Amino acid sequence: MMGDINIGEPGAMIGFAGPRVIKETIKKDLPEGFQTAEFVMDHGFLDLIANRKELKDTIARLLQLFAN
């Protein structure tokens, strides 16, 4: 079975709508750091976080793992 690897940048905001729009829609306060890459990874929606400068090496390592 094949799958995807979801990679985020440190501190990146991830989501379709911004936190303000979500907060106004659901009428509730959002958790600290909501929609940051770190929050999303902690909740199982990202596989890893990599700096953009390290992304090429990170992807190369992942391809080597899958090739073996």
Protein backbone atom coordinates (compact mmCIF):
# COMPACT_ATOMS: atom_id res chain seq x y z
CA MET A 1 0.00 0.00 0.00
CA MET A 2 1.31 3.46 -0.82
CA GLY A 3 0.75 6.55 1.25
CA ASP A 4 1.63 10.19 1.47
CA ILE A 5 4.10 11.96 3.70
CA ASN A 6 2.93 15.34 4.89
CA ILE A 7 5.73 17.79 5.64
CA GLY A 8 5.36 21.23 7.20
CA GLU A 9 7.72 24.13 7.80
CA PRO A 10 8.43 25.25 11.36
CA GLY A 11 5.80 27.76 12.49
CA ALA A 12 3.80 27.48 9.26
CA MET A 13 0.06 28.11 9.43
CA ILE A 14 -1.86 25.13 8.03
CA GLY A 15 -5.55 25.22 7.25
CA PHE A 16 -8.21 26.18 4.76
CA ALA A 17 -9.65 29.05 6.78
CA GLY A 18 -7.74 31.25 9.18
CA PRO A 19 -8.09 31.05 12.96
CA ARG A 20 -10.16 34.25 13.12
CA VAL A 21 -12.73 32.88 10.66
CA ILE A 22 -12.94 29.54 12.49
CA LYS A 23 -13.27 31.25 15.88
CA GLU A 24 -16.09 33.46 14.60
CA THR A 25 -17.81 30.48 12.98
CA ILE A 26 -17.75 28.10 15.96
CA LYS A 27 -18.04 30.88 18.58
CA LYS A 28 -15.35 29.29 20.77
CA ASP A 29 -11.79 30.15 21.70
CA LEU A 30 -9.17 28.10 19.88
CA PRO A 31 -6.25 26.30 21.56
CA GLU A 32 -2.88 28.08 21.76
CA GLY A 33 -0.95 27.62 18.52
CA PHE A 34 -3.99 26.34 16.62
CA GLN A 35 -3.17 25.63 12.96
CA THR A 36 0.60 25.91 13.38
CA ALA A 37 2.65 23.09 11.90
CA GLU A 38 3.67 22.02 15.41
CA PHE A 39 0.05 21.85 16.65
CA VAL A 40 -1.06 19.96 13.54
CA MET A 41 1.83 17.48 13.90
CA ASP A 42 1.08 16.94 17.60
CA HIS A 43 -2.46 16.00 16.59
CA GLY A 44 -1.37 13.50 13.93
CA PHE A 45 -1.98 15.40 10.71
CA LEU A 46 1.68 15.96 9.75
CA ASP A 47 4.44 13.38 9.56
CA LEU A 48 7.38 15.70 10.05
CA ILE A 49 8.51 19.30 10.18
CA ALA A 50 11.54 20.36 8.16
CA ASN A 51 13.23 23.68 7.52
CA ARG A 52 13.06 24.74 3.89
CA LYS A 53 16.87 24.74 3.67
CA GLU A 54 16.89 21.07 4.78
CA LEU A 55 13.94 19.99 2.63
CA LYS A 56 15.99 18.64 -0.27
CA ASP A 57 18.06 16.41 2.03
CA THR A 58 14.96 15.35 3.97
CA ILE A 59 13.15 14.26 0.81
CA ALA A 60 16.27 12.46 -0.43
CA ARG A 61 16.46 10.49 2.87
CA LEU A 62 12.79 9.59 2.64
CA LEU A 63 13.19 8.37 -0.95
CA GLN A 64 16.14 6.21 0.10
CA LEU A 65 14.04 4.68 2.87
CA PHE A 66 11.22 3.86 0.48
CA ALA A 67 13.59 2.55 -2.21
CA ASN A 68 15.05 -0.05 0.15
